[in-house]
């Protein structure tokens, strides 16, 4: 994927990229961030990695490392287009690849990276899509964190231990917005 020269296309949007393993709370928290931003009058769009995968059904993507990497680039490109329109793109996607985080920093204006850190035992207990149960039963493969090594973000702007905070979604979302706003103020 080519690096975009933003000097030819200045933007006023920003990207809040939420990453973590399956069951970490990415989609739930991202949805609440969008709700809070819209309530404050900000133009915000939710970009969910699973939905992007479904929308780009032009080519079958596997859930192996290569398929996941391609989907992460697609998610990044959708986010870039939203930020080019001046929107706040709130992204919920696993995309635990250092090269994706690097691409995001180079191509997404106002990029703010959040890593939801949750231990594997907690994820196995939550397991909203029965992913870990299916993997343990030999019915699922290419599970990130089990079959595919994760690359935890090296320089995330914010790391949230989300092992026990499932009831505090509004507070977590507000904290992320506040931290993203503070980081934007520092850049300006």
N, C-alpha and C. Protein backbone atom coordinates (compact mmCIF):
# COMPACT_ATOMS: atom_id res chain seq x y z
N UNK A 1 0.84 -1.16 0.00
CA UNK A 1 0.00 0.00 0.00
C UNK A 1 0.89 1.23 0.00
N UNK A 2 0.58 2.19 -0.84
CA UNK A 2 1.39 3.38 -0.98
C UNK A 2 1.13 4.37 0.15
N UNK A 3 2.16 5.12 0.50
CA UNK A 3 2.01 6.17 1.49
C UNK A 3 1.39 7.38 0.82
N UNK A 4 0.43 7.98 1.48
CA UNK A 4 -0.30 9.11 0.94
C UNK A 4 0.40 10.40 1.30
N UNK A 5 0.58 11.29 0.32
CA UNK A 5 1.16 12.61 0.56
C UNK A 5 0.04 13.54 1.00
N UNK A 6 -0.03 13.79 2.32
CA UNK A 6 -1.12 14.61 2.84
C UNK A 6 -0.92 16.10 2.57
N UNK A 7 0.26 16.52 2.15
CA UNK A 7 0.46 17.93 1.88
C UNK A 7 -0.39 18.39 0.70
N UNK A 8 -0.72 17.46 -0.19
CA UNK A 8 -1.56 17.80 -1.33
C UNK A 8 -3.04 17.79 -0.97
N UNK A 9 -3.38 17.22 0.18
CA UNK A 9 -4.77 17.08 0.57
C UNK A 9 -4.90 17.30 2.08
N UNK A 10 -4.81 18.56 2.54
CA UNK A 10 -4.90 18.79 3.99
C UNK A 10 -6.25 18.35 4.54
N UNK A 11 -6.25 17.87 5.78
CA UNK A 11 -7.47 17.36 6.38
C UNK A 11 -7.70 18.00 7.74
N UNK A 12 -8.91 17.88 8.22
CA UNK A 12 -9.21 18.33 9.57
C UNK A 12 -9.79 17.18 10.40
N UNK A 13 -9.85 15.99 9.82
CA UNK A 13 -10.39 14.84 10.54
C UNK A 13 -9.34 14.24 11.45
N UNK A 14 -9.76 13.20 12.16
CA UNK A 14 -8.84 12.48 13.03
C UNK A 14 -9.28 11.03 13.11
N UNK A 15 -8.36 10.18 13.56
CA UNK A 15 -8.64 8.75 13.68
C UNK A 15 -8.34 8.28 15.09
N UNK A 16 -9.31 7.63 15.69
CA UNK A 16 -9.13 6.99 17.00
C UNK A 16 -9.19 5.48 16.73
N UNK A 17 -8.05 4.85 16.78
CA UNK A 17 -7.89 3.44 16.38
C UNK A 17 -7.85 2.57 17.64
N UNK A 18 -8.86 1.73 17.82
CA UNK A 18 -8.96 0.87 19.01
C UNK A 18 -8.64 -0.56 18.59
N UNK A 19 -7.63 -1.12 19.22
CA UNK A 19 -7.19 -2.45 18.87
C UNK A 19 -7.12 -3.33 20.12
N UNK A 20 -7.17 -4.61 19.91
CA UNK A 20 -7.12 -5.59 20.99
C UNK A 20 -7.61 -6.92 20.45
N UNK A 21 -7.50 -7.93 21.23
CA UNK A 21 -7.91 -9.26 20.81
C UNK A 21 -9.43 -9.39 20.78
N UNK A 22 -9.92 -10.47 20.20
CA UNK A 22 -11.35 -10.75 20.14
C UNK A 22 -11.90 -10.84 21.56
N UNK A 23 -12.95 -10.07 21.83
CA UNK A 23 -13.56 -10.06 23.15
C UNK A 23 -13.02 -8.98 24.08
N UNK A 24 -12.10 -8.15 23.59
CA UNK A 24 -11.50 -7.12 24.44
C UNK A 24 -12.44 -5.94 24.69
N UNK A 25 -13.47 -5.79 23.84
CA UNK A 25 -14.41 -4.68 24.02
C UNK A 25 -14.29 -3.60 22.97
N UNK A 26 -13.57 -3.86 21.90
CA UNK A 26 -13.31 -2.85 20.87
C UNK A 26 -14.58 -2.25 20.29
N UNK A 27 -15.46 -3.08 19.78
CA UNK A 27 -16.68 -2.58 19.11
C UNK A 27 -17.60 -1.86 20.08
N UNK A 28 -17.75 -2.40 21.27
CA UNK A 28 -18.63 -1.79 22.27
C UNK A 28 -18.13 -0.40 22.66
N UNK A 29 -16.84 -0.30 22.95
CA UNK A 29 -16.26 0.98 23.35
C UNK A 29 -16.25 1.95 22.18
N UNK A 30 -15.91 1.48 20.99
CA UNK A 30 -15.90 2.37 19.81
C UNK A 30 -17.29 2.92 19.54
N UNK A 31 -18.31 2.09 19.66
CA UNK A 31 -19.68 2.54 19.46
C UNK A 31 -20.07 3.63 20.46
N UNK A 32 -19.63 3.47 21.70
CA UNK A 32 -19.92 4.47 22.72
C UNK A 32 -19.15 5.77 22.47
N UNK A 33 -17.93 5.66 21.98
CA UNK A 33 -17.17 6.87 21.63
C UNK A 33 -17.91 7.65 20.54
N UNK A 34 -18.35 6.95 19.51
CA UNK A 34 -19.09 7.61 18.43
C UNK A 34 -20.35 8.26 18.98
N UNK A 35 -21.06 7.56 19.84
CA UNK A 35 -22.29 8.12 20.42
C UNK A 35 -21.98 9.40 21.18
N UNK A 36 -20.93 9.38 22.00
CA UNK A 36 -20.57 10.57 22.79
C UNK A 36 -20.10 11.72 21.89
N UNK A 37 -19.32 11.41 20.88
CA UNK A 37 -18.84 12.47 19.98
C UNK A 37 -20.00 13.12 19.23
N UNK A 38 -20.92 12.30 18.74
CA UNK A 38 -22.08 12.83 18.02
C UNK A 38 -22.96 13.68 18.96
N UNK A 39 -23.11 13.22 20.21
CA UNK A 39 -23.89 13.99 21.17
C UNK A 39 -23.25 15.35 21.44
N UNK A 40 -21.94 15.43 21.27
CA UNK A 40 -21.22 16.70 21.46
C UNK A 40 -21.17 17.52 20.18
N UNK A 41 -21.82 17.01 19.11
CA UNK A 41 -21.88 17.75 17.86
C UNK A 41 -20.76 17.47 16.88
N UNK A 42 -19.95 16.47 17.16
CA UNK A 42 -18.83 16.14 16.27
C UNK A 42 -19.28 15.11 15.23
N UNK A 43 -18.83 15.27 14.01
CA UNK A 43 -19.12 14.30 12.96
C UNK A 43 -18.20 13.10 13.15
N UNK A 44 -18.78 11.96 13.48
CA UNK A 44 -17.99 10.76 13.78
C UNK A 44 -18.59 9.56 13.07
N UNK A 45 -17.72 8.68 12.63
CA UNK A 45 -18.15 7.47 11.94
C UNK A 45 -17.45 6.27 12.58
N UNK A 46 -18.20 5.19 12.76
CA UNK A 46 -17.66 3.95 13.31
C UNK A 46 -17.22 3.07 12.15
N UNK A 47 -15.99 2.59 12.22
CA UNK A 47 -15.46 1.66 11.22
C UNK A 47 -15.05 0.40 11.96
N UNK A 48 -15.79 -0.68 11.72
CA UNK A 48 -15.54 -1.94 12.40
C UNK A 48 -14.85 -2.89 11.42
N UNK A 49 -13.75 -3.48 11.85
CA UNK A 49 -12.98 -4.36 10.98
C UNK A 49 -13.78 -5.53 10.43
N UNK A 50 -14.68 -6.10 11.22
CA UNK A 50 -15.51 -7.22 10.76
C UNK A 50 -16.47 -6.76 9.67
N UNK A 51 -17.02 -5.56 9.81
CA UNK A 51 -17.95 -5.05 8.80
C UNK A 51 -17.22 -4.72 7.51
N UNK A 52 -16.01 -4.16 7.62
CA UNK A 52 -15.22 -3.88 6.42
C UNK A 52 -14.91 -5.19 5.69
N UNK A 53 -14.59 -6.22 6.43
CA UNK A 53 -14.32 -7.53 5.82
C UNK A 53 -15.53 -8.00 5.01
N UNK A 54 -16.72 -7.85 5.59
CA UNK A 54 -17.95 -8.26 4.90
C UNK A 54 -18.25 -7.37 3.70
N UNK A 55 -18.00 -6.08 3.82
CA UNK A 55 -18.34 -5.13 2.75
C UNK A 55 -17.47 -5.34 1.52
N UNK A 56 -16.21 -5.70 1.72
CA UNK A 56 -15.30 -5.93 0.61
C UNK A 56 -15.32 -7.40 0.22
N UNK A 57 -16.47 -7.90 -0.11
CA UNK A 57 -16.62 -9.31 -0.44
C UNK A 57 -16.17 -9.63 -1.86
N UNK A 58 -15.46 -8.68 -2.51
CA UNK A 58 -14.99 -8.89 -3.87
C UNK A 58 -13.94 -9.99 -3.97
N UNK A 59 -13.21 -10.19 -2.90
CA UNK A 59 -12.20 -11.25 -2.89
C UNK A 59 -12.26 -11.93 -1.52
N UNK A 60 -12.31 -13.24 -1.52
CA UNK A 60 -12.37 -13.92 -0.23
C UNK A 60 -11.06 -13.73 0.55
N UNK A 61 -11.19 -13.23 1.74
CA UNK A 61 -10.03 -13.08 2.61
C UNK A 61 -10.12 -14.12 3.70
N UNK A 62 -9.04 -14.82 3.90
CA UNK A 62 -9.01 -15.78 4.99
C UNK A 62 -8.74 -15.06 6.30
N UNK A 63 -8.70 -15.82 7.35
CA UNK A 63 -8.39 -15.26 8.66
C UNK A 63 -6.95 -15.59 9.04
N UNK A 64 -6.17 -16.06 8.06
CA UNK A 64 -4.76 -16.28 8.30
C UNK A 64 -4.06 -14.92 8.39
N UNK A 65 -2.78 -14.93 8.68
CA UNK A 65 -2.03 -13.68 8.86
C UNK A 65 -2.14 -12.77 7.63
N UNK A 66 -2.00 -13.31 6.45
CA UNK A 66 -2.03 -12.50 5.23
C UNK A 66 -3.41 -11.89 5.00
N UNK A 67 -4.47 -12.66 5.22
CA UNK A 67 -5.82 -12.15 5.06
C UNK A 67 -6.13 -11.07 6.08
N UNK A 68 -5.68 -11.27 7.30
CA UNK A 68 -5.90 -10.28 8.35
C UNK A 68 -5.13 -8.99 8.05
N UNK A 69 -3.93 -9.14 7.53
CA UNK A 69 -3.13 -7.97 7.18
C UNK A 69 -3.80 -7.18 6.06
N UNK A 70 -4.27 -7.85 5.03
CA UNK A 70 -4.97 -7.18 3.93
C UNK A 70 -6.22 -6.46 4.44
N UNK A 71 -6.98 -7.10 5.31
CA UNK A 71 -8.17 -6.45 5.84
C UNK A 71 -7.79 -5.22 6.68
N UNK A 72 -6.71 -5.30 7.41
CA UNK A 72 -6.27 -4.15 8.22
C UNK A 72 -5.92 -2.97 7.32
N UNK A 73 -5.28 -3.23 6.18
CA UNK A 73 -5.00 -2.14 5.24
C UNK A 73 -6.31 -1.56 4.69
N UNK A 74 -7.26 -2.41 4.41
CA UNK A 74 -8.56 -1.93 3.92
C UNK A 74 -9.23 -1.04 4.96
N UNK A 75 -9.20 -1.47 6.20
CA UNK A 75 -9.77 -0.67 7.28
C UNK A 75 -9.07 0.68 7.35
N UNK A 76 -7.75 0.68 7.24
CA UNK A 76 -6.99 1.92 7.26
C UNK A 76 -7.37 2.84 6.12
N UNK A 77 -7.59 2.29 4.96
CA UNK A 77 -7.96 3.10 3.80
C UNK A 77 -9.37 3.69 3.98
N UNK A 78 -10.29 2.92 4.51
CA UNK A 78 -11.64 3.44 4.78
C UNK A 78 -11.53 4.58 5.81
N UNK A 79 -10.72 4.39 6.83
CA UNK A 79 -10.53 5.43 7.84
C UNK A 79 -9.92 6.69 7.23
N UNK A 80 -8.94 6.51 6.35
CA UNK A 80 -8.30 7.66 5.70
C UNK A 80 -9.32 8.46 4.90
N UNK A 81 -10.19 7.79 4.21
CA UNK A 81 -11.21 8.49 3.42
C UNK A 81 -12.17 9.26 4.32
N UNK A 82 -12.51 8.71 5.47
CA UNK A 82 -13.39 9.42 6.41
C UNK A 82 -12.68 10.66 6.95
N UNK A 83 -11.41 10.50 7.33
CA UNK A 83 -10.69 11.65 7.88
C UNK A 83 -10.45 12.71 6.80
N UNK A 84 -10.31 12.28 5.56
CA UNK A 84 -10.16 13.24 4.46
C UNK A 84 -11.40 14.12 4.32
N UNK A 85 -12.56 13.60 4.74
CA UNK A 85 -13.81 14.37 4.70
C UNK A 85 -13.98 15.21 5.96
N UNK A 86 -13.00 15.18 6.84
CA UNK A 86 -13.07 15.97 8.07
C UNK A 86 -13.78 15.28 9.21
N UNK A 87 -14.08 14.01 9.06
CA UNK A 87 -14.78 13.27 10.12
C UNK A 87 -13.80 12.68 11.12
N UNK A 88 -14.32 12.36 12.28
CA UNK A 88 -13.56 11.57 13.23
C UNK A 88 -13.90 10.12 12.95
N UNK A 89 -12.90 9.36 12.55
CA UNK A 89 -13.08 7.93 12.31
C UNK A 89 -12.71 7.20 13.59
N UNK A 90 -13.66 6.42 14.12
CA UNK A 90 -13.41 5.61 15.30
C UNK A 90 -13.38 4.17 14.82
N UNK A 91 -12.21 3.58 14.90
CA UNK A 91 -11.96 2.28 14.30
C UNK A 91 -11.88 1.21 15.39
N UNK A 92 -12.62 0.12 15.20
CA UNK A 92 -12.57 -1.03 16.10
C UNK A 92 -12.10 -2.21 15.28
N UNK A 93 -10.86 -2.60 15.48
CA UNK A 93 -10.32 -3.71 14.70
C UNK A 93 -9.15 -4.34 15.43
N UNK A 94 -8.96 -5.62 15.20
CA UNK A 94 -7.86 -6.32 15.85
C UNK A 94 -6.53 -5.79 15.33
N UNK A 95 -6.26 -5.96 14.08
CA UNK A 95 -5.08 -5.43 13.38
C UNK A 95 -3.83 -5.28 14.25
N UNK A 96 -3.44 -6.33 14.90
CA UNK A 96 -2.29 -6.29 15.79
C UNK A 96 -1.00 -6.58 15.03
N UNK A 97 -0.67 -5.67 14.12
CA UNK A 97 0.53 -5.77 13.29
C UNK A 97 1.29 -4.45 13.38
N UNK A 98 2.58 -4.51 13.68
CA UNK A 98 3.36 -3.28 13.78
C UNK A 98 3.34 -2.49 12.47
N UNK A 99 3.38 -3.17 11.34
CA UNK A 99 3.40 -2.43 10.07
C UNK A 99 2.08 -1.68 9.83
N UNK A 100 0.98 -2.17 10.34
CA UNK A 100 -0.29 -1.44 10.23
C UNK A 100 -0.24 -0.20 11.11
N UNK A 101 0.24 -0.33 12.33
CA UNK A 101 0.34 0.82 13.23
C UNK A 101 1.25 1.89 12.60
N UNK A 102 2.33 1.45 11.98
CA UNK A 102 3.24 2.39 11.32
C UNK A 102 2.53 3.08 10.15
N UNK A 103 1.82 2.30 9.33
CA UNK A 103 1.08 2.87 8.19
C UNK A 103 0.07 3.89 8.70
N UNK A 104 -0.65 3.55 9.75
CA UNK A 104 -1.65 4.45 10.32
C UNK A 104 -1.02 5.78 10.73
N UNK A 105 0.12 5.71 11.41
CA UNK A 105 0.78 6.94 11.87
C UNK A 105 1.18 7.83 10.70
N UNK A 106 1.53 7.23 9.60
CA UNK A 106 1.97 7.99 8.43
C UNK A 106 0.82 8.51 7.58
N UNK A 107 -0.33 7.86 7.65
CA UNK A 107 -1.41 8.14 6.70
C UNK A 107 -2.72 8.65 7.29
N UNK A 108 -2.89 8.55 8.59
CA UNK A 108 -4.15 8.97 9.20
C UNK A 108 -3.93 10.23 10.04
N UNK A 109 -4.58 11.32 9.68
CA UNK A 109 -4.40 12.55 10.45
C UNK A 109 -4.96 12.40 11.86
N UNK A 110 -4.30 13.05 12.80
CA UNK A 110 -4.78 13.01 14.17
C UNK A 110 -4.86 11.61 14.73
N UNK A 111 -3.97 10.74 14.27
CA UNK A 111 -4.01 9.32 14.67
C UNK A 111 -3.79 9.17 16.17
N UNK A 112 -4.70 8.44 16.82
CA UNK A 112 -4.62 8.17 18.25
C UNK A 112 -4.90 6.69 18.45
N UNK A 113 -3.90 5.97 18.96
CA UNK A 113 -3.97 4.51 19.06
C UNK A 113 -4.27 4.09 20.50
N UNK A 114 -5.29 3.25 20.64
CA UNK A 114 -5.70 2.72 21.94
C UNK A 114 -5.58 1.20 21.89
N UNK A 115 -4.89 0.64 22.86
CA UNK A 115 -4.77 -0.81 22.96
C UNK A 115 -5.55 -1.28 24.18
N UNK A 116 -6.56 -2.12 23.94
CA UNK A 116 -7.32 -2.72 25.03
C UNK A 116 -6.64 -4.03 25.40
N UNK A 117 -5.99 -4.02 26.51
CA UNK A 117 -5.22 -5.18 26.95
C UNK A 117 -6.08 -6.03 27.89
N UNK A 118 -6.28 -7.27 27.49
CA UNK A 118 -7.09 -8.19 28.27
C UNK A 118 -6.38 -9.54 28.27
N UNK A 119 -6.28 -10.17 29.43
CA UNK A 119 -5.58 -11.46 29.48
C UNK A 119 -6.43 -12.55 28.82
N UNK A 120 -5.76 -13.58 28.37
CA UNK A 120 -6.41 -14.65 27.62
C UNK A 120 -7.49 -15.36 28.44
N UNK A 121 -7.27 -15.53 29.73
CA UNK A 121 -8.28 -16.20 30.57
C UNK A 121 -9.58 -15.40 30.59
N UNK A 122 -9.49 -14.09 30.69
CA UNK A 122 -10.69 -13.23 30.67
C UNK A 122 -11.37 -13.31 29.31
N UNK A 123 -10.58 -13.29 28.25
CA UNK A 123 -11.16 -13.39 26.89
C UNK A 123 -11.88 -14.72 26.71
N UNK A 124 -11.31 -15.78 27.21
CA UNK A 124 -11.95 -17.09 27.12
C UNK A 124 -13.27 -17.11 27.89
N UNK A 125 -13.34 -16.41 29.00
CA UNK A 125 -14.59 -16.36 29.78
C UNK A 125 -15.64 -15.53 29.05
N UNK A 126 -15.24 -14.42 28.46
CA UNK A 126 -16.20 -13.56 27.74
C UNK A 126 -16.66 -14.25 26.46
N UNK A 127 -15.74 -14.49 25.57
CA UNK A 127 -15.93 -15.22 24.32
C UNK A 127 -17.29 -14.99 23.65
N UNK A 128 -17.63 -13.74 23.30
CA UNK A 128 -18.96 -13.43 22.78
C UNK A 128 -19.29 -14.13 21.45
N UNK A 129 -18.27 -14.52 20.69
CA UNK A 129 -18.54 -15.19 19.41
C UNK A 129 -18.17 -16.68 19.45
N UNK A 130 -17.93 -17.19 20.67
CA UNK A 130 -17.52 -18.60 20.84
C UNK A 130 -16.26 -18.95 20.06
N UNK A 131 -15.45 -17.96 19.79
CA UNK A 131 -14.22 -18.16 19.02
C UNK A 131 -13.22 -19.04 19.78
N UNK A 132 -13.00 -18.71 21.03
CA UNK A 132 -12.01 -19.46 21.82
C UNK A 132 -12.50 -20.87 22.11
N UNK A 133 -13.80 -21.03 22.35
CA UNK A 133 -14.35 -22.37 22.57
C UNK A 133 -14.19 -23.25 21.32
N UNK A 134 -14.50 -22.64 20.16
CA UNK A 134 -14.35 -23.39 18.90
C UNK A 134 -12.88 -23.74 18.65
N UNK A 135 -11.98 -22.82 18.96
CA UNK A 135 -10.55 -23.10 18.78
C UNK A 135 -10.10 -24.22 19.70
N UNK A 136 -10.54 -24.17 20.94
CA UNK A 136 -10.17 -25.22 21.90
C UNK A 136 -10.71 -26.58 21.49
N UNK A 137 -11.84 -26.59 20.79
CA UNK A 137 -12.44 -27.84 20.33
C UNK A 137 -11.89 -28.29 18.98
N UNK A 138 -10.96 -27.53 18.43
CA UNK A 138 -10.37 -27.88 17.14
C UNK A 138 -11.26 -27.52 15.96
N UNK A 139 -12.27 -26.69 16.18
CA UNK A 139 -13.21 -26.31 15.11
C UNK A 139 -12.86 -24.97 14.48
N UNK A 140 -11.87 -24.28 15.01
CA UNK A 140 -11.48 -22.96 14.51
C UNK A 140 -9.96 -22.89 14.52
N UNK A 141 -9.41 -22.30 13.47
CA UNK A 141 -7.96 -22.09 13.44
C UNK A 141 -7.68 -20.65 13.04
N UNK A 142 -6.42 -20.29 13.07
CA UNK A 142 -6.00 -18.92 12.77
C UNK A 142 -6.58 -17.92 13.75
N UNK A 143 -6.63 -18.29 15.02
CA UNK A 143 -7.14 -17.40 16.05
C UNK A 143 -5.96 -16.58 16.58
N UNK A 144 -6.11 -15.27 16.48
CA UNK A 144 -5.05 -14.38 16.95
C UNK A 144 -4.95 -14.50 18.46
N UNK A 145 -3.73 -14.65 18.92
CA UNK A 145 -3.48 -14.84 20.35
C UNK A 145 -3.32 -16.30 20.71
N UNK A 146 -3.81 -17.20 19.82
CA UNK A 146 -3.64 -18.64 20.01
C UNK A 146 -2.75 -19.20 18.90
N UNK A 147 -3.26 -19.16 17.66
CA UNK A 147 -2.53 -19.70 16.51
C UNK A 147 -1.63 -18.66 15.84
N UNK A 148 -2.04 -17.42 15.91
CA UNK A 148 -1.30 -16.33 15.28
C UNK A 148 -0.78 -15.43 16.38
N UNK A 149 0.54 -15.23 16.38
CA UNK A 149 1.14 -14.36 17.39
C UNK A 149 0.65 -12.94 17.21
N UNK A 150 0.46 -12.27 18.33
CA UNK A 150 0.06 -10.87 18.27
C UNK A 150 1.30 -9.99 18.34
N UNK A 151 1.16 -8.83 17.76
CA UNK A 151 2.19 -7.80 17.86
C UNK A 151 1.54 -6.64 18.62
N UNK A 152 1.70 -6.66 19.93
CA UNK A 152 1.11 -5.58 20.73
C UNK A 152 1.69 -4.26 20.28
N UNK A 153 0.87 -3.22 20.27
CA UNK A 153 1.38 -1.91 19.87
C UNK A 153 2.59 -1.51 20.70
N UNK A 154 3.61 -1.01 20.02
CA UNK A 154 4.84 -0.63 20.70
C UNK A 154 4.75 0.76 21.33
N UNK A 155 4.00 1.64 20.68
CA UNK A 155 3.91 3.02 21.18
C UNK A 155 2.47 3.51 21.13
N UNK A 156 1.57 2.71 21.66
CA UNK A 156 0.16 3.13 21.73
C UNK A 156 0.07 4.41 22.55
N UNK A 157 -0.83 5.28 22.14
CA UNK A 157 -1.05 6.51 22.90
C UNK A 157 -1.69 6.22 24.26
N UNK A 158 -2.50 5.16 24.30
CA UNK A 158 -3.22 4.82 25.51
C UNK A 158 -3.37 3.30 25.59
N UNK A 159 -3.02 2.72 26.72
CA UNK A 159 -3.22 1.29 26.97
C UNK A 159 -4.22 1.18 28.12
N UNK A 160 -5.29 0.45 27.87
CA UNK A 160 -6.32 0.28 28.90
C UNK A 160 -6.40 -1.19 29.28
N UNK A 161 -6.21 -1.47 30.55
CA UNK A 161 -6.42 -2.82 31.07
C UNK A 161 -7.93 -2.99 31.16
N UNK A 162 -8.48 -3.80 30.28
CA UNK A 162 -9.94 -3.97 30.22
C UNK A 162 -10.36 -5.36 30.68
N UNK A 163 -9.69 -5.86 31.69
CA UNK A 163 -10.05 -7.17 32.24
C UNK A 163 -11.35 -7.11 33.05
N UNK A 164 -11.60 -6.00 33.73
CA UNK A 164 -12.74 -5.95 34.65
C UNK A 164 -13.67 -4.77 34.40
N UNK A 165 -13.45 -3.98 33.37
CA UNK A 165 -14.17 -2.71 33.21
C UNK A 165 -15.36 -2.78 32.27
N UNK A 166 -15.95 -3.90 32.08
CA UNK A 166 -17.02 -4.03 31.09
C UNK A 166 -18.25 -3.18 31.41
N UNK A 167 -18.48 -2.85 32.66
CA UNK A 167 -19.65 -2.06 33.04
C UNK A 167 -19.39 -0.56 32.95
N UNK A 168 -18.14 -0.18 32.72
CA UNK A 168 -17.76 1.22 32.69
C UNK A 168 -17.53 1.73 31.28
N UNK A 169 -18.29 1.25 30.33
CA UNK A 169 -18.07 1.60 28.92
C UNK A 169 -18.14 3.11 28.69
N UNK A 170 -19.12 3.77 29.28
CA UNK A 170 -19.23 5.21 29.12
C UNK A 170 -18.02 5.95 29.66
N UNK A 171 -17.54 5.51 30.82
CA UNK A 171 -16.36 6.13 31.42
C UNK A 171 -15.11 5.86 30.59
N UNK A 172 -14.96 4.65 30.10
CA UNK A 172 -13.80 4.31 29.27
C UNK A 172 -13.83 5.15 27.99
N UNK A 173 -14.99 5.24 27.35
CA UNK A 173 -15.12 6.04 26.13
C UNK A 173 -14.77 7.49 26.40
N UNK A 174 -15.28 8.05 27.49
CA UNK A 174 -14.99 9.44 27.83
C UNK A 174 -13.50 9.65 28.09
N UNK A 175 -12.86 8.69 28.74
CA UNK A 175 -11.42 8.79 29.01
C UNK A 175 -10.62 8.76 27.70
N UNK A 176 -11.05 7.92 26.76
CA UNK A 176 -10.35 7.85 25.47
C UNK A 176 -10.52 9.17 24.72
N UNK A 177 -11.73 9.70 24.70
CA UNK A 177 -11.98 10.98 24.01
C UNK A 177 -11.13 12.08 24.64
N UNK A 178 -11.10 12.12 25.96
CA UNK A 178 -10.32 13.14 26.66
C UNK A 178 -8.83 13.02 26.31
N UNK A 179 -8.31 11.81 26.33
CA UNK A 179 -6.90 11.59 26.01
C UNK A 179 -6.60 11.94 24.55
N UNK A 180 -7.52 11.59 23.64
CA UNK A 180 -7.33 11.92 22.22
C UNK A 180 -7.36 13.43 22.02
N UNK A 181 -8.27 14.10 22.71
CA UNK A 181 -8.34 15.57 22.63
C UNK A 181 -7.05 16.21 23.15
N UNK A 182 -6.54 15.70 24.26
CA UNK A 182 -5.30 16.23 24.84
C UNK A 182 -4.12 16.02 23.88
N UNK A 183 -4.06 14.85 23.26
CA UNK A 183 -2.97 14.58 22.31
C UNK A 183 -3.08 15.52 21.11
N UNK A 184 -4.31 15.78 20.66
CA UNK A 184 -4.50 16.71 19.53
C UNK A 184 -4.06 18.12 19.91
N UNK A 185 -4.37 18.55 21.14
CA UNK A 185 -3.99 19.88 21.60
C UNK A 185 -2.46 20.01 21.66
N UNK A 186 -1.78 18.92 22.05
CA UNK A 186 -0.32 18.93 22.08
C UNK A 186 0.28 19.05 20.69
N UNK A 187 -0.38 18.42 19.71
CA UNK A 187 0.13 18.49 18.32
C UNK A 187 -0.02 19.89 17.75
N UNK A 188 -1.08 20.59 18.17
CA UNK A 188 -1.36 21.92 17.62
C UNK A 188 -0.47 22.98 18.15
